[in-house]
N, C-alpha and C. Protein backbone atom coordinates (compact mmCIF):
# COMPACT_ATOMS: atom_id res chain seq x y z
N MET A 1 -14.81 -2.40 -3.16
CA MET A 1 -14.22 -3.13 -3.64
C MET A 1 -12.46 -3.00 -2.39
N ILE A 2 -13.35 -1.90 -1.04
CA ILE A 2 -12.81 -2.40 0.43
C ILE A 2 -12.60 -3.29 0.68
N VAL A 3 -13.34 -4.79 0.76
CA VAL A 3 -12.95 -6.06 0.69
C VAL A 3 -11.37 -6.50 0.16
N ASP A 4 -12.28 -6.15 -1.09
CA ASP A 4 -10.90 -6.50 -2.31
C ASP A 4 -9.13 -6.10 -1.66
N LEU A 5 -9.35 -4.81 -1.34
CA LEU A 5 -8.12 -4.39 -1.00
C LEU A 5 -7.70 -4.92 0.15
N LEU A 6 -8.69 -5.07 1.17
CA LEU A 6 -7.94 -6.07 2.70
C LEU A 6 -8.22 -7.52 2.46
N GLY A 7 -8.23 -7.89 1.30
CA GLY A 7 -7.58 -9.39 0.58
C GLY A 7 -6.86 -9.58 0.44
N HIS A 8 -5.24 -8.26 0.23
CA HIS A 8 -4.15 -8.45 -0.28
C HIS A 8 -3.65 -7.68 0.20
N LYS A 9 -2.83 -8.38 0.83
CA LYS A 9 -1.62 -7.56 1.83
C LYS A 9 -0.81 -6.75 1.27
N ASP A 10 -0.28 -6.78 0.20
CA ASP A 10 0.61 -6.64 -0.49
C ASP A 10 -0.31 -5.01 -0.51
N TYR A 11 -0.84 -5.20 -1.49
CA TYR A 11 -1.85 -3.84 -1.36
C TYR A 11 -1.85 -2.62 -0.85
N ILE A 12 -1.50 -3.44 0.49
CA ILE A 12 -1.92 -2.91 1.48
C ILE A 12 -0.39 -1.70 2.30
N ARG A 13 0.60 -2.91 1.90
CA ARG A 13 1.90 -2.58 2.18
C ARG A 13 2.33 -1.84 1.30
N VAL A 14 1.63 -1.58 0.03
CA VAL A 14 2.78 -0.73 -1.30
C VAL A 14 1.58 1.05 -0.41
N LEU A 15 0.44 1.08 0.66
CA LEU A 15 -0.28 2.14 0.29
C LEU A 15 0.03 2.48 1.55
N VAL A 16 0.95 1.86 1.66
CA VAL A 16 1.60 2.32 3.80
C VAL A 16 3.11 2.57 3.52
N THR A 17 3.28 2.18 2.24
CA THR A 17 5.03 1.92 1.71
C THR A 17 4.62 3.85 1.46
N LEU A 18 3.94 4.32 0.48
CA LEU A 18 3.72 5.02 -0.42
C LEU A 18 3.02 6.06 0.59
N ASP A 19 2.90 5.72 2.05
CA ASP A 19 2.71 6.96 2.77
C ASP A 19 3.48 7.22 3.66
N LYS A 20 4.70 7.26 3.44
CA LYS A 20 5.51 7.67 3.50
C LYS A 20 6.36 8.75 2.94
N LYS A 21 6.49 8.19 1.18
CA LYS A 21 6.67 9.95 0.18
C LYS A 21 6.50 8.67 -1.22
N PRO A 22 6.24 9.73 -2.33
CA PRO A 22 6.35 9.09 -3.22
C PRO A 22 7.01 7.87 -3.96
N MET A 23 6.90 7.26 -4.40
CA MET A 23 8.06 6.35 -5.11
C MET A 23 7.75 5.40 -6.85
N TYR A 24 8.85 5.23 -7.26
CA TYR A 24 9.14 4.58 -8.51
C TYR A 24 8.32 3.40 -8.58
N PHE A 25 8.41 2.66 -9.36
CA PHE A 25 8.24 1.52 -9.37
C PHE A 25 9.68 0.26 -8.95
N ASN A 26 10.39 0.56 -9.38
CA ASN A 26 11.95 -0.04 -8.73
C ASN A 26 11.73 0.00 -7.35
N GLN A 27 11.73 1.21 -7.23
CA GLN A 27 11.93 1.92 -5.52
C GLN A 27 11.02 0.98 -3.91
N LEU A 28 9.57 1.15 -5.70
CA LEU A 28 9.00 0.15 -4.38
C LEU A 28 9.21 -1.52 -4.62
N GLN A 29 9.68 -2.04 -5.44
CA GLN A 29 9.74 -3.26 -5.37
C GLN A 29 11.41 -3.63 -4.80
N ARG A 30 11.80 -2.70 -4.36
CA ARG A 30 12.92 -2.88 -3.23
C ARG A 30 12.79 -2.82 -2.11
N ALA A 31 11.76 -1.48 -1.79
CA ALA A 31 11.53 -1.67 -0.40
C ALA A 31 10.60 -2.56 0.18
N LEU A 32 9.64 -3.35 -0.39
CA LEU A 32 8.71 -4.67 -0.20
C LEU A 32 9.34 -5.46 -0.61
N ASN A 33 10.56 -5.72 -0.72
CA ASN A 33 10.73 -6.85 -1.33
C ASN A 33 9.93 -8.12 -2.35
N LEU A 34 9.40 -7.15 -3.78
CA LEU A 34 8.16 -8.22 -4.19
C LEU A 34 8.99 -8.12 -5.66
N ASN A 35 7.87 -9.40 -6.37
CA ASN A 35 8.51 -9.57 -7.64
C ASN A 35 7.98 -8.74 -8.45
N PRO A 36 8.23 -8.22 -9.81
CA PRO A 36 7.84 -7.31 -10.45
C PRO A 36 5.83 -7.65 -10.54
N THR A 37 5.71 -8.85 -10.49
CA THR A 37 4.42 -9.38 -11.24
C THR A 37 3.73 -8.58 -9.98
N GLN A 38 3.92 -8.85 -8.64
CA GLN A 38 3.27 -8.60 -7.60
C GLN A 38 3.10 -6.82 -7.92
N ILE A 39 4.19 -6.12 -8.03
CA ILE A 39 3.78 -4.88 -7.71
C ILE A 39 2.56 -4.32 -8.56
N ASP A 40 3.34 -4.92 -10.15
CA ASP A 40 2.26 -4.80 -11.16
C ASP A 40 0.49 -4.86 -10.71
N ARG A 41 0.66 -5.76 -10.03
CA ARG A 41 -0.60 -6.29 -10.03
C ARG A 41 -1.10 -5.23 -8.89
N ALA A 42 -0.77 -4.65 -7.55
CA ALA A 42 -0.82 -3.58 -6.79
C ALA A 42 -1.50 -2.92 -7.62
N LEU A 43 -0.12 -2.32 -8.58
CA LEU A 43 -0.30 -0.42 -9.04
C LEU A 43 -1.55 -0.66 -9.63
N ARG A 44 -1.97 -1.52 -10.75
CA ARG A 44 -3.14 -1.29 -11.65
C ARG A 44 -3.86 -1.98 -10.71
N PHE A 45 -4.32 -2.91 -9.38
CA PHE A 45 -5.63 -3.02 -8.81
C PHE A 45 -5.80 -1.20 -8.14
N LEU A 46 -5.06 -0.36 -7.39
CA LEU A 46 -4.63 0.65 -6.55
C LEU A 46 -5.18 2.20 -7.22
N ARG A 47 -4.42 1.45 -9.08
CA ARG A 47 -4.57 2.77 -9.31
C ARG A 47 -6.68 2.35 -9.67
N LYS A 48 -6.48 1.20 -10.54
CA LYS A 48 -7.92 1.36 -10.96
C LYS A 48 -9.20 2.24 -9.99
N GLY A 49 -8.85 1.96 -8.72
CA GLY A 49 -9.50 2.34 -7.58
C GLY A 49 -9.03 3.68 -7.04
N LEU A 50 -7.91 4.71 -7.41
CA LEU A 50 -8.62 5.73 -7.15
C LEU A 50 -7.02 6.03 -5.54
N TRP A 51 -6.73 4.65 -5.17
CA TRP A 51 -6.14 4.75 -4.09
C TRP A 51 -4.59 5.69 -4.23
N ILE A 52 -3.85 5.41 -5.43
CA ILE A 52 -2.39 6.11 -5.58
C ILE A 52 -3.31 7.12 -6.75
N THR A 53 -2.17 7.72 -6.98
CA THR A 53 -2.08 8.29 -8.04
C THR A 53 -0.27 8.22 -9.09
N PRO A 54 -0.41 8.10 -10.21
CA PRO A 54 0.25 8.05 -10.96
C PRO A 54 0.78 9.16 -11.78
N ARG A 55 2.04 9.23 -12.03
CA ARG A 55 2.50 10.92 -12.26
C ARG A 55 2.99 11.01 -13.43
N THR A 56 3.23 11.41 -14.23
CA THR A 56 4.28 10.30 -15.36
C THR A 56 5.25 11.98 -15.94
N MET A 57 6.34 11.24 -16.13
CA MET A 57 7.58 12.50 -16.20
C MET A 57 8.40 12.02 -17.40
N ALA A 58 8.46 12.96 -18.16
CA ALA A 58 9.41 11.88 -19.35
C ALA A 58 11.04 12.61 -19.36
N THR A 59 11.43 11.89 -19.37
CA THR A 59 13.17 11.81 -19.47
C THR A 59 13.86 12.80 -20.41
N ASP A 60 15.25 13.23 -20.02
CA ASP A 60 16.44 13.21 -21.28
C ASP A 60 16.66 12.52 -22.46
N ARG A 61 16.03 11.65 -21.92
CA ARG A 61 16.38 10.66 -22.85
C ARG A 61 14.73 9.14 -23.50
N GLY A 62 14.06 10.17 -23.76
CA GLY A 62 13.01 10.34 -24.26
C GLY A 62 11.90 8.92 -22.88
N ARG A 63 12.71 8.75 -22.47
CA ARG A 63 11.62 7.14 -21.71
C ARG A 63 11.05 8.19 -20.33
N ILE A 64 9.82 7.60 -20.37
CA ILE A 64 8.54 7.41 -19.27
C ILE A 64 8.67 7.24 -17.88
N LEU A 65 8.90 7.91 -16.80
CA LEU A 65 8.92 7.79 -15.46
C LEU A 65 7.75 7.56 -15.22
N VAL A 66 7.02 6.87 -14.46
CA VAL A 66 6.06 6.58 -13.27
C VAL A 66 6.44 7.19 -11.68
N GLU A 67 6.11 8.45 -11.36
CA GLU A 67 5.80 8.03 -10.15
C GLU A 67 4.40 7.83 -9.38
N TYR A 68 4.08 7.27 -8.32
CA TYR A 68 3.29 6.77 -7.70
C TYR A 68 3.30 7.91 -6.25
N SER A 69 1.95 8.18 -5.41
CA SER A 69 1.67 8.87 -4.62
C SER A 69 0.53 8.15 -3.81
N LEU A 70 0.00 8.35 -3.08
CA LEU A 70 -0.86 7.66 -2.25
C LEU A 70 -2.09 9.01 -2.33
N GLY A 71 -3.01 8.76 -3.20
CA GLY A 71 -4.30 9.18 -3.46
C GLY A 71 -4.73 9.79 -2.64
N LYS A 72 -6.23 10.97 -2.30
CA LYS A 72 -6.75 11.01 -0.83
C LYS A 72 -7.24 9.53 -0.46
N ARG A 73 -8.02 8.76 -2.00
CA ARG A 73 -9.67 7.80 -1.44
C ARG A 73 -8.03 6.88 -0.06
N GLY A 74 -6.88 7.04 -1.23
CA GLY A 74 -5.48 5.96 -0.28
C GLY A 74 -5.02 6.54 1.44
N ALA A 75 -5.12 7.61 1.21
CA ALA A 75 -4.64 8.20 3.09
C ALA A 75 -6.60 7.88 3.74
N ALA A 76 -7.35 8.05 3.23
CA ALA A 76 -8.50 7.87 4.01
C ALA A 76 -9.18 6.88 4.28
N PHE A 77 -7.92 5.43 3.61
CA PHE A 77 -8.16 4.05 3.74
C PHE A 77 -7.14 3.90 5.18
N LEU A 78 -6.38 4.50 4.93
CA LEU A 78 -4.98 4.60 5.67
C LEU A 78 -4.72 4.82 6.88
N LYS A 79 -5.53 5.80 7.60
CA LYS A 79 -6.29 6.80 8.74
C LYS A 79 -6.96 5.61 9.18
N SER A 80 -8.53 5.21 8.65
CA SER A 80 -9.08 4.06 8.86
C SER A 80 -9.03 2.95 9.52
N PHE A 81 -7.72 2.38 8.57
CA PHE A 81 -7.55 1.06 9.21
C PHE A 81 -6.27 0.79 10.34
N LYS A 82 -5.22 2.15 10.31
CA LYS A 82 -4.90 2.76 11.37
C LYS A 82 -5.27 2.53 12.98
N THR A 83 -6.23 3.02 12.26
CA THR A 83 -7.62 2.57 13.94
C THR A 83 -7.99 1.36 14.47
N PHE A 84 -8.42 0.92 13.09
CA PHE A 84 -8.98 -0.78 13.27
C PHE A 84 -7.72 -0.79 14.03
N SER A 85 -6.39 -1.26 13.40
CA SER A 85 -5.33 -1.81 13.75
C SER A 85 -5.16 -1.43 15.13
N ASP A 86 -5.08 -0.24 15.61
CA ASP A 86 -5.10 0.22 17.06
C ASP A 86 -5.98 -0.53 18.07
N ASP A 87 -7.33 0.03 17.25
CA ASP A 87 -8.09 -0.80 18.07
C ASP A 87 -7.88 -2.67 18.49
N ALA A 88 -7.23 -3.15 17.56
CA ALA A 88 -7.54 -5.03 17.03
C ALA A 88 -5.96 -5.07 18.58
N GLN A 89 -5.20 -3.91 18.53
CA GLN A 89 -4.49 -4.19 19.26
C GLN A 89 -4.21 -4.27 21.20
N ARG A 90 -5.88 -3.23 21.31
CA ARG A 90 -6.17 -3.36 22.22
C ARG A 90 -6.89 -4.10 23.21
N ARG A 91 -7.02 -5.08 21.84
CA ARG A 91 -8.26 -6.56 21.76
C ARG A 91 -7.64 -7.44 21.84
N LYS A 92 -6.67 -7.51 21.76
CA LYS A 92 -5.99 -8.49 21.68
C LYS A 92 -5.86 -10.04 22.60
N VAL A 93 -6.08 -9.64 23.66
CA VAL A 93 -6.39 -11.13 24.74
C VAL A 93 -7.97 -11.58 23.84
N SER A 94 -8.72 -11.16 23.41
CA SER A 94 -9.89 -11.59 22.98
C SER A 94 -9.22 -12.47 21.38
N LEU A 95 -8.65 -11.22 20.39
CA LEU A 95 -8.22 -11.27 18.96
C LEU A 95 -7.22 -12.66 18.80
N GLY A 96 -6.00 -12.51 19.76
CA GLY A 96 -5.52 -13.54 20.05
C GLY A 96 -4.35 -12.42 18.93
N SER A 97 -2.62 -13.06 19.60
CA SER A 97 -1.82 -12.21 19.62
C SER A 97 -0.98 -12.70 18.41
N THR A 98 -1.33 -14.01 17.65
CA THR A 98 -0.89 -13.50 16.89
C THR A 98 -1.76 -12.94 15.65
N GLU A 99 -2.77 -12.96 15.75
CA GLU A 99 -4.14 -11.69 14.11
C GLU A 99 -3.27 -10.47 14.47
N VAL A 100 -3.22 -10.41 15.61
CA VAL A 100 -3.31 -8.75 16.03
C VAL A 100 -1.41 -7.96 15.55
N ALA A 101 -0.44 -9.61 15.98
CA ALA A 101 0.55 -9.67 14.82
C ALA A 101 1.32 -9.04 13.47
N GLU A 102 0.36 -10.06 13.19
CA GLU A 102 -0.09 -10.12 10.87
C GLU A 102 -0.71 -8.59 10.82
N LEU A 103 -1.97 -8.35 11.75
CA LEU A 103 -1.85 -7.10 11.47
C LEU A 103 -1.24 -5.88 11.62
N GLN A 104 -1.06 -6.09 12.74
CA GLN A 104 0.84 -4.70 12.79
C GLN A 104 1.44 -4.86 12.34
N SER A 105 1.82 -5.97 11.29
CA SER A 105 3.20 -6.13 10.24
C SER A 105 2.98 -5.05 9.21
N LEU A 106 1.67 -5.03 9.38
CA LEU A 106 1.83 -4.32 7.45
C LEU A 106 1.99 -3.27 7.23
N TYR A 107 2.46 -2.90 9.09
CA TYR A 107 2.58 -1.14 9.13
C TYR A 107 4.34 -0.95 8.79
N HIS A 108 4.97 -2.12 8.60
CA HIS A 108 6.51 -2.40 9.11
C HIS A 108 7.24 -2.80 8.03
C-alpha cells in the first residue's frame, strides 16, 4: 500500500496539505489546483488505507459536509517521508538535483 501511495504524487500532496489543517473537498481542490476527479481518487485511496480520517457533519439545510484530516497512519508516513526527503537533499550530488527538487516540491 505504501508503494501505491508513493506512485501518486497527488496523494502525497493531499496528505501534506491536510497536515496543515483539516479541509473540505472544495478547499483541497483549490489548495492543490486539481480537478474533482483527481481529488476524489486521492480521497478514496487515502480513506481506504486509513491515511486520512473523514468527519461528517450535517448543515442546517440538510446537506452533509465531510471534513478530511490527517490520520495517525498518514502522520507517521509524512514524518518518515520528510526524513527520506531531507536525506535525499543531503545526497543531492549523487541523486541529482532534478530528482531531489521533484521530491522537495511535494512539500510546497
